Amino acid sequence: MEIMNIQEFIENVKKQFIDTKDIPLTLDMDFRKIESYDSLTGMTILVMIKEIYGIDLSESEYNAQKTVEALFDLVKSKING
């Protein structure tokens, strides 16, 4: 498990979108409102979190997070237990 770094987390989330290069992802952005976001993108974000950070989020936990920052804070809180 790697140490949580906010910029790396943003980049890791951004990489899950098919149009990665065109997305100006920020902490306060509701990532689900990005035009290319779909259920497959959501699934790949969940898989990325499990693979990189070792955290297995439930679908309801994931769906409750509205911004990149909220998702980061949730993952960080689970790492720090």
PDB file of N, CA and C in Angstrom:
ATOM      1  N   MET A   1       0.850  -1.188   0.000  1.00  0.00           N
ATOM      2  CA  MET A   1       0.000   0.000   0.000  1.00  0.00           C
ATOM      3  C   MET A   1       0.885   1.238   0.000  1.00  0.00           C
ATOM      4  N   GLU A   2       0.575   2.181  -0.840  1.00  0.00           N
ATOM      5  CA  GLU A   2       1.393   3.375  -0.877  1.00  0.00           C
ATOM      6  C   GLU A   2       0.814   4.462   0.020  1.00  0.00           C
ATOM      7  N   ILE A   3       1.671   5.387   0.413  1.00  0.00           N
ATOM      8  CA  ILE A   3       1.251   6.510   1.245  1.00  0.00           C
ATOM      9  C   ILE A   3       0.351   7.417   0.404  1.00  0.00           C
ATOM     10  N   MET A   4      -0.710   7.902   1.032  1.00  0.00           N
ATOM     11  CA  MET A   4      -1.671   8.742   0.316  1.00  0.00           C
ATOM     12  C   MET A   4      -1.066  10.096  -0.040  1.00  0.00           C
ATOM     13  N   ASN A   5      -1.120  10.416  -1.303  1.00  0.00           N
ATOM     14  CA  ASN A   5      -0.689  11.703  -1.817  1.00  0.00           C
ATOM     15  C   ASN A   5      -1.840  12.216  -2.680  1.00  0.00           C
ATOM     16  N   ILE A   6      -2.314  13.399  -2.377  1.00  0.00           N
ATOM     17  CA  ILE A   6      -3.510  13.918  -3.042  1.00  0.00           C
ATOM     18  C   ILE A   6      -3.328  14.069  -4.545  1.00  0.00           C
ATOM     19  N   GLN A   7      -2.179  14.567  -4.980  1.00  0.00           N
ATOM     20  CA  GLN A   7      -1.962  14.749  -6.416  1.00  0.00           C
ATOM     21  C   GLN A   7      -1.898  13.413  -7.150  1.00  0.00           C
ATOM     22  N   GLU A   8      -1.244  12.441  -6.543  1.00  0.00           N
ATOM     23  CA  GLU A   8      -1.186  11.106  -7.149  1.00  0.00           C
ATOM     24  C   GLU A   8      -2.583  10.487  -7.209  1.00  0.00           C
ATOM     25  N   PHE A   9      -3.365  10.706  -6.160  1.00  0.00           N
ATOM     26  CA  PHE A   9      -4.725  10.171  -6.133  1.00  0.00           C
ATOM     27  C   PHE A   9      -5.551  10.769  -7.272  1.00  0.00           C
ATOM     28  N   ILE A  10      -5.447  12.078  -7.452  1.00  0.00           N
ATOM     29  CA  ILE A  10      -6.171  12.737  -8.545  1.00  0.00           C
ATOM     30  C   ILE A  10      -5.756  12.128  -9.883  1.00  0.00           C
ATOM     31  N   GLU A  11      -4.464  11.955 -10.082  1.00  0.00           N
ATOM     32  CA  GLU A  11      -3.975  11.379 -11.336  1.00  0.00           C
ATOM     33  C   GLU A  11      -4.468   9.941 -11.511  1.00  0.00           C
ATOM     34  N   ASN A  12      -4.473   9.175 -10.423  1.00  0.00           N
ATOM     35  CA  ASN A  12      -4.945   7.791 -10.505  1.00  0.00           C
ATOM     36  C   ASN A  12      -6.427   7.727 -10.878  1.00  0.00           C
ATOM     37  N   VAL A  13      -7.232   8.626 -10.327  1.00  0.00           N
ATOM     38  CA  VAL A  13      -8.655   8.679 -10.687  1.00  0.00           C
ATOM     39  C   VAL A  13      -8.787   9.109 -12.148  1.00  0.00           C
ATOM     40  N   LYS A  14      -8.041  10.124 -12.514  1.00  0.00           N
ATOM     41  CA  LYS A  14      -8.103  10.660 -13.879  1.00  0.00           C
ATOM     42  C   LYS A  14      -7.776   9.588 -14.922  1.00  0.00           C
ATOM     43  N   LYS A  15      -6.838   8.729 -14.619  1.00  0.00           N
ATOM     44  CA  LYS A  15      -6.417   7.674 -15.555  1.00  0.00           C
ATOM     45  C   LYS A  15      -7.535   6.671 -15.849  1.00  0.00           C
ATOM     46  N   GLN A  16      -8.582   6.662 -15.048  1.00  0.00           N
ATOM     47  CA  GLN A  16      -9.667   5.704 -15.238  1.00  0.00           C
ATOM     48  C   GLN A  16     -10.675   6.160 -16.294  1.00  0.00           C
ATOM     49  N   PHE A  17     -10.548   7.406 -16.724  1.00  0.00           N
ATOM     50  CA  PHE A  17     -11.446   7.944 -17.749  1.00  0.00           C
ATOM     51  C   PHE A  17     -10.865   7.682 -19.135  1.00  0.00           C
ATOM     52  N   ILE A  18     -11.730   7.426 -20.124  1.00  0.00           N
ATOM     53  CA  ILE A  18     -11.237   7.136 -21.469  1.00  0.00           C
ATOM     54  C   ILE A  18     -10.585   8.347 -22.128  1.00  0.00           C
ATOM     55  N   ASP A  19     -11.003   9.545 -21.731  1.00  0.00           N
ATOM     56  CA  ASP A  19     -10.442  10.770 -22.311  1.00  0.00           C
ATOM     57  C   ASP A  19      -9.552  11.492 -21.301  1.00  0.00           C
ATOM     58  N   THR A  20      -8.678  10.732 -20.661  1.00  0.00           N
ATOM     59  CA  THR A  20      -7.814  11.211 -19.582  1.00  0.00           C
ATOM     60  C   THR A  20      -7.167  12.560 -19.874  1.00  0.00           C
ATOM     61  N   LYS A  21      -6.599  12.705 -21.044  1.00  0.00           N
ATOM     62  CA  LYS A  21      -5.839  13.919 -21.364  1.00  0.00           C
ATOM     63  C   LYS A  21      -6.703  15.167 -21.419  1.00  0.00           C
ATOM     64  N   ASP A  22      -7.984  15.008 -21.637  1.00  0.00           N
ATOM     65  CA  ASP A  22      -8.878  16.156 -21.801  1.00  0.00           C
ATOM     66  C   ASP A  22      -9.622  16.553 -20.525  1.00  0.00           C
ATOM     67  N   ILE A  23      -9.335  15.884 -19.421  1.00  0.00           N
ATOM     68  CA  ILE A  23     -10.089  16.137 -18.192  1.00  0.00           C
ATOM     69  C   ILE A  23      -9.273  16.975 -17.210  1.00  0.00           C
ATOM     70  N   PRO A  24      -9.763  18.161 -16.874  1.00  0.00           N
ATOM     71  CA  PRO A  24      -9.089  18.992 -15.868  1.00  0.00           C
ATOM     72  C   PRO A  24      -9.635  18.651 -14.471  1.00  0.00           C
ATOM     73  N   LEU A  25      -9.268  17.499 -13.946  1.00  0.00           N
ATOM     74  CA  LEU A  25      -9.827  17.007 -12.683  1.00  0.00           C
ATOM     75  C   LEU A  25      -9.269  17.790 -11.490  1.00  0.00           C
ATOM     76  N   THR A  26     -10.175  18.270 -10.626  1.00  0.00           N
ATOM     77  CA  THR A  26      -9.771  19.009  -9.432  1.00  0.00           C
ATOM     78  C   THR A  26     -10.422  18.380  -8.196  1.00  0.00           C
ATOM     79  N   LEU A  27      -9.925  18.759  -7.033  1.00  0.00           N
ATOM     80  CA  LEU A  27     -10.424  18.199  -5.776  1.00  0.00           C
ATOM     81  C   LEU A  27     -11.904  18.408  -5.556  1.00  0.00           C
ATOM     82  N   ASP A  28     -12.398  19.592  -5.893  1.00  0.00           N
ATOM     83  CA  ASP A  28     -13.793  19.917  -5.595  1.00  0.00           C
ATOM     84  C   ASP A  28     -14.752  19.540  -6.722  1.00  0.00           C
ATOM     85  N   MET A  29     -14.243  18.855  -7.739  1.00  0.00           N
ATOM     86  CA  MET A  29     -15.070  18.483  -8.879  1.00  0.00           C
ATOM     87  C   MET A  29     -15.906  17.239  -8.579  1.00  0.00           C
ATOM     88  N   ASP A  30     -17.158  17.284  -8.992  1.00  0.00           N
ATOM     89  CA  ASP A  30     -18.011  16.104  -8.929  1.00  0.00           C
ATOM     90  C   ASP A  30     -17.649  15.265 -10.150  1.00  0.00           C
ATOM     91  N   PHE A  31     -16.810  14.262  -9.914  1.00  0.00           N
ATOM     92  CA  PHE A  31     -16.250  13.493 -11.023  1.00  0.00           C
ATOM     93  C   PHE A  31     -17.309  12.734 -11.815  1.00  0.00           C
ATOM     94  N   ARG A  32     -18.472  12.486 -11.227  1.00  0.00           N
ATOM     95  CA  ARG A  32     -19.537  11.791 -11.954  1.00  0.00           C
ATOM     96  C   ARG A  32     -20.205  12.680 -13.003  1.00  0.00           C
ATOM     97  N   LYS A  33     -19.969  13.981 -12.928  1.00  0.00           N
ATOM     98  CA  LYS A  33     -20.565  14.903 -13.895  1.00  0.00           C
ATOM     99  C   LYS A  33     -19.688  15.107 -15.123  1.00  0.00           C
ATOM    100  N   ILE A  34     -18.532  14.473 -15.142  1.00  0.00           N
ATOM    101  CA  ILE A  34     -17.683  14.511 -16.331  1.00  0.00           C
ATOM    102  C   ILE A  34     -18.413  13.735 -17.421  1.00  0.00           C
ATOM    103  N   GLU A  35     -18.453  14.300 -18.599  1.00  0.00           N
ATOM    104  CA  GLU A  35     -19.264  13.745 -19.678  1.00  0.00           C
ATOM    105  C   GLU A  35     -18.984  12.270 -19.962  1.00  0.00           C
ATOM    106  N   SER A  36     -17.726  11.867 -19.875  1.00  0.00           N
ATOM    107  CA  SER A  36     -17.373  10.480 -20.219  1.00  0.00           C
ATOM    108  C   SER A  36     -17.547   9.502 -19.046  1.00  0.00           C
ATOM    109  N   TYR A  37     -17.990   9.992 -17.875  1.00  0.00           N
ATOM    110  CA  TYR A  37     -18.192   9.099 -16.729  1.00  0.00           C
ATOM    111  C   TYR A  37     -19.384   8.182 -16.993  1.00  0.00           C
ATOM    112  N   ASP A  38     -19.183   6.894 -16.712  1.00  0.00           N
ATOM    113  CA  ASP A  38     -20.278   5.934 -16.789  1.00  0.00           C
ATOM    114  C   ASP A  38     -20.036   4.853 -15.736  1.00  0.00           C
ATOM    115  N   SER A  39     -20.884   3.856 -15.691  1.00  0.00           N
ATOM    116  CA  SER A  39     -20.758   2.825 -14.661  1.00  0.00           C
ATOM    117  C   SER A  39     -19.444   2.056 -14.774  1.00  0.00           C
ATOM    118  N   LEU A  40     -18.939   1.895 -15.989  1.00  0.00           N
ATOM    119  CA  LEU A  40     -17.655   1.222 -16.172  1.00  0.00           C
ATOM    120  C   LEU A  40     -16.515   2.045 -15.572  1.00  0.00           C
ATOM    121  N   THR A  41     -16.573   3.354 -15.749  1.00  0.00           N
ATOM    122  CA  THR A  41     -15.569   4.235 -15.140  1.00  0.00           C
ATOM    123  C   THR A  41     -15.617   4.101 -13.622  1.00  0.00           C
ATOM    124  N   GLY A  42     -16.812   4.086 -13.066  1.00  0.00           N
ATOM    125  CA  GLY A  42     -16.966   3.919 -11.620  1.00  0.00           C
ATOM    126  C   GLY A  42     -16.359   2.619 -11.139  1.00  0.00           C
ATOM    127  N   MET A  43     -16.581   1.555 -11.889  1.00  0.00           N
ATOM    128  CA  MET A  43     -16.026   0.252 -11.524  1.00  0.00           C
ATOM    129  C   MET A  43     -14.498   0.278 -11.590  1.00  0.00           C
ATOM    130  N   THR A  44     -13.949   0.915 -12.622  1.00  0.00           N
ATOM    131  CA  THR A  44     -12.484   0.957 -12.729  1.00  0.00           C
ATOM    132  C   THR A  44     -11.869   1.808 -11.616  1.00  0.00           C
ATOM    133  N   ILE A  45     -12.570   2.832 -11.168  1.00  0.00           N
ATOM    134  CA  ILE A  45     -12.081   3.638 -10.033  1.00  0.00           C
ATOM    135  C   ILE A  45     -12.061   2.775  -8.771  1.00  0.00           C
ATOM    136  N   LEU A  46     -13.121   2.004  -8.548  1.00  0.00           N
ATOM    137  CA  LEU A  46     -13.158   1.100  -7.381  1.00  0.00           C
ATOM    138  C   LEU A  46     -12.032   0.070  -7.437  1.00  0.00           C
ATOM    139  N   VAL A  47     -11.792  -0.492  -8.612  1.00  0.00           N
ATOM    140  CA  VAL A  47     -10.718  -1.480  -8.773  1.00  0.00           C
ATOM    141  C   VAL A  47      -9.361  -0.829  -8.539  1.00  0.00           C
ATOM    142  N   MET A  48      -9.158   0.374  -9.074  1.00  0.00           N
ATOM    143  CA  MET A  48      -7.902   1.104  -8.877  1.00  0.00           C
ATOM    144  C   MET A  48      -7.647   1.336  -7.388  1.00  0.00           C
ATOM    145  N   ILE A  49      -8.670   1.741  -6.646  1.00  0.00           N
ATOM    146  CA  ILE A  49      -8.525   1.994  -5.210  1.00  0.00           C
ATOM    147  C   ILE A  49      -8.117   0.710  -4.489  1.00  0.00           C
ATOM    148  N   LYS A  50      -8.711  -0.400  -4.875  1.00  0.00           N
ATOM    149  CA  LYS A  50      -8.362  -1.678  -4.251  1.00  0.00           C
ATOM    150  C   LYS A  50      -6.939  -2.100  -4.603  1.00  0.00           C
ATOM    151  N   GLU A  51      -6.572  -1.969  -5.872  1.00  0.00           N
ATOM    152  CA  GLU A  51      -5.247  -2.408  -6.314  1.00  0.00           C
ATOM    153  C   GLU A  51      -4.120  -1.532  -5.784  1.00  0.00           C
ATOM    154  N   ILE A  52      -4.297  -0.228  -5.820  1.00  0.00           N
ATOM    155  CA  ILE A  52      -3.213   0.680  -5.427  1.00  0.00           C
ATOM    156  C   ILE A  52      -3.176   0.911  -3.923  1.00  0.00           C
ATOM    157  N   TYR A  53      -4.342   1.097  -3.324  1.00  0.00           N
ATOM    158  CA  TYR A  53      -4.390   1.495  -1.913  1.00  0.00           C
ATOM    159  C   TYR A  53      -4.799   0.366  -0.972  1.00  0.00           C
ATOM    160  N   GLY A  54      -5.214  -0.772  -1.520  1.00  0.00           N
ATOM    161  CA  GLY A  54      -5.572  -1.915  -0.694  1.00  0.00           C
ATOM    162  C   GLY A  54      -6.883  -1.748   0.049  1.00  0.00           C
ATOM    163  N   ILE A  55      -7.739  -0.859  -0.448  1.00  0.00           N
ATOM    164  CA  ILE A  55      -9.015  -0.563   0.210  1.00  0.00           C
ATOM    165  C   ILE A  55     -10.151  -1.066  -0.671  1.00  0.00           C
ATOM    166  N   ASP A  56     -11.031  -1.855  -0.075  1.00  0.00           N
ATOM    167  CA  ASP A  56     -12.180  -2.407  -0.782  1.00  0.00           C
ATOM    168  C   ASP A  56     -13.422  -1.621  -0.363  1.00  0.00           C
ATOM    169  N   LEU A  57     -13.811  -0.628  -1.160  1.00  0.00           N
ATOM    170  CA  LEU A  57     -14.987   0.187  -0.852  1.00  0.00           C
ATOM    171  C   LEU A  57     -16.246  -0.519  -1.329  1.00  0.00           C
ATOM    172  N   SER A  58     -17.298  -0.384  -0.558  1.00  0.00           N
ATOM    173  CA  SER A  58     -18.585  -0.901  -1.023  1.00  0.00           C
ATOM    174  C   SER A  58     -19.137   0.077  -2.060  1.00  0.00           C
ATOM    175  N   GLU A  59     -20.057  -0.397  -2.844  1.00  0.00           N
ATOM    176  CA  GLU A  59     -20.669   0.460  -3.853  1.00  0.00           C
ATOM    177  C   GLU A  59     -21.385   1.640  -3.195  1.00  0.00           C
ATOM    178  N   SER A  60     -22.039   1.390  -2.068  1.00  0.00           N
ATOM    179  CA  SER A  60     -22.755   2.483  -1.392  1.00  0.00           C
ATOM    180  C   SER A  60     -21.784   3.514  -0.809  1.00  0.00           C
ATOM    181  N   GLU A  61     -20.644   3.059  -0.276  1.00  0.00           N
ATOM    182  CA  GLU A  61     -19.630   4.011   0.222  1.00  0.00           C
ATOM    183  C   GLU A  61     -19.126   4.873  -0.930  1.00  0.00           C
ATOM    184  N   TYR A  62     -18.823   4.219  -2.032  1.00  0.00           N
ATOM    185  CA  TYR A  62     -18.321   4.931  -3.209  1.00  0.00           C
ATOM    186  C   TYR A  62     -19.361   5.924  -3.718  1.00  0.00           C
ATOM    187  N   ASN A  63     -20.594   5.483  -3.853  1.00  0.00           N
ATOM    188  CA  ASN A  63     -21.649   6.340  -4.399  1.00  0.00           C
ATOM    189  C   ASN A  63     -21.978   7.530  -3.510  1.00  0.00           C
ATOM    190  N   ALA A  64     -21.670   7.445  -2.239  1.00  0.00           N
ATOM    191  CA  ALA A  64     -21.944   8.545  -1.311  1.00  0.00           C
ATOM    192  C   ALA A  64     -20.947   9.701  -1.470  1.00  0.00           C
ATOM    193  N   GLN A  65     -19.846   9.457  -2.153  1.00  0.00           N
ATOM    194  CA  GLN A  65     -18.813  10.482  -2.313  1.00  0.00           C
ATOM    195  C   GLN A  65     -19.101  11.291  -3.572  1.00  0.00           C
ATOM    196  N   LYS A  66     -19.174  12.592  -3.416  1.00  0.00           N
ATOM    197  CA  LYS A  66     -19.546  13.452  -4.545  1.00  0.00           C
ATOM    198  C   LYS A  66     -18.351  14.081  -5.254  1.00  0.00           C
ATOM    199  N   THR A  67     -17.264  14.305  -4.520  1.00  0.00           N
ATOM    200  CA  THR A  67     -16.100  14.969  -5.114  1.00  0.00           C
ATOM    201  C   THR A  67     -14.868  14.080  -5.008  1.00  0.00           C
ATOM    202  N   VAL A  68     -13.853  14.439  -5.765  1.00  0.00           N
ATOM    203  CA  VAL A  68     -12.582  13.720  -5.700  1.00  0.00           C
ATOM    204  C   VAL A  68     -12.015  13.818  -4.281  1.00  0.00           C
ATOM    205  N   GLU A  69     -12.142  14.986  -3.674  1.00  0.00           N
ATOM    206  CA  GLU A  69     -11.625  15.181  -2.316  1.00  0.00           C
ATOM    207  C   GLU A  69     -12.350  14.284  -1.310  1.00  0.00           C
ATOM    208  N   ALA A  70     -13.658  14.176  -1.424  1.00  0.00           N
ATOM    209  CA  ALA A  70     -14.421  13.322  -0.513  1.00  0.00           C
ATOM    210  C   ALA A  70     -14.001  11.862  -0.669  1.00  0.00           C
ATOM    211  N   LEU A  71     -13.789  11.444  -1.909  1.00  0.00           N
ATOM    212  CA  LEU A  71     -13.344  10.071  -2.166  1.00  0.00           C
ATOM    213  C   LEU A  71     -11.948   9.853  -1.593  1.00  0.00           C
ATOM    214  N   PHE A  72     -11.063  10.816  -1.782  1.00  0.00           N
ATOM    215  CA  PHE A  72      -9.708  10.764  -1.221  1.00  0.00           C
ATOM    216  C   PHE A  72      -9.774  10.643   0.304  1.00  0.00           C
ATOM    217  N   ASP A  73     -10.586  11.503   0.932  1.00  0.00           N
ATOM    218  CA  ASP A  73     -10.700  11.494   2.397  1.00  0.00           C
ATOM    219  C   ASP A  73     -11.222  10.153   2.909  1.00  0.00           C
ATOM    220  N   LEU A  74     -12.168   9.554   2.210  1.00  0.00           N
ATOM    221  CA  LEU A  74     -12.705   8.258   2.613  1.00  0.00           C
ATOM    222  C   LEU A  74     -11.621   7.180   2.531  1.00  0.00           C
ATOM    223  N   VAL A  75     -10.914   7.137   1.419  1.00  0.00           N
ATOM    224  CA  VAL A  75      -9.855   6.138   1.252  1.00  0.00           C
ATOM    225  C   VAL A  75      -8.770   6.347   2.302  1.00  0.00           C
ATOM    226  N   LYS A  76      -8.381   7.593   2.515  1.00  0.00           N
ATOM    227  CA  LYS A  76      -7.348   7.914   3.506  1.00  0.00           C
ATOM    228  C   LYS A  76      -7.781   7.487   4.911  1.00  0.00           C
ATOM    229  N   SER A  77      -9.037   7.723   5.237  1.00  0.00           N
ATOM    230  CA  SER A  77      -9.528   7.358   6.578  1.00  0.00           C
ATOM    231  C   SER A  77      -9.510   5.852   6.770  1.00  0.00           C
ATOM    232  N   LYS A  78      -9.772   5.105   5.714  1.00  0.00           N
ATOM    233  CA  LYS A  78      -9.745   3.644   5.814  1.00  0.00           C
ATOM    234  C   LYS A  78      -8.319   3.114   5.914  1.00  0.00           C
ATOM    235  N   ILE A  79      -7.375   3.792   5.258  1.00  0.00           N
ATOM    236  CA  ILE A  79      -5.971   3.395   5.361  1.00  0.00           C
ATOM    237  C   ILE A  79      -5.468   3.653   6.778  1.00  0.00           C
ATOM    238  N   ASN A  80      -5.842   4.794   7.320  1.00  0.00           N
ATOM    239  CA  ASN A  80      -5.376   5.170   8.658  1.00  0.00           C
ATOM    240  C   ASN A  80      -6.171   4.493   9.764  1.00  0.00           C
ATOM    241  N   GLY A  81      -7.234   3.796   9.354  1.00  0.00           N
ATOM    242  CA  GLY A  81      -8.057   2.966  10.209  1.00  0.00           C
ATOM    243  C   GLY A  81      -8.602   3.551  11.431  1.00  0.00           C
TER     244      GLY A  81
END
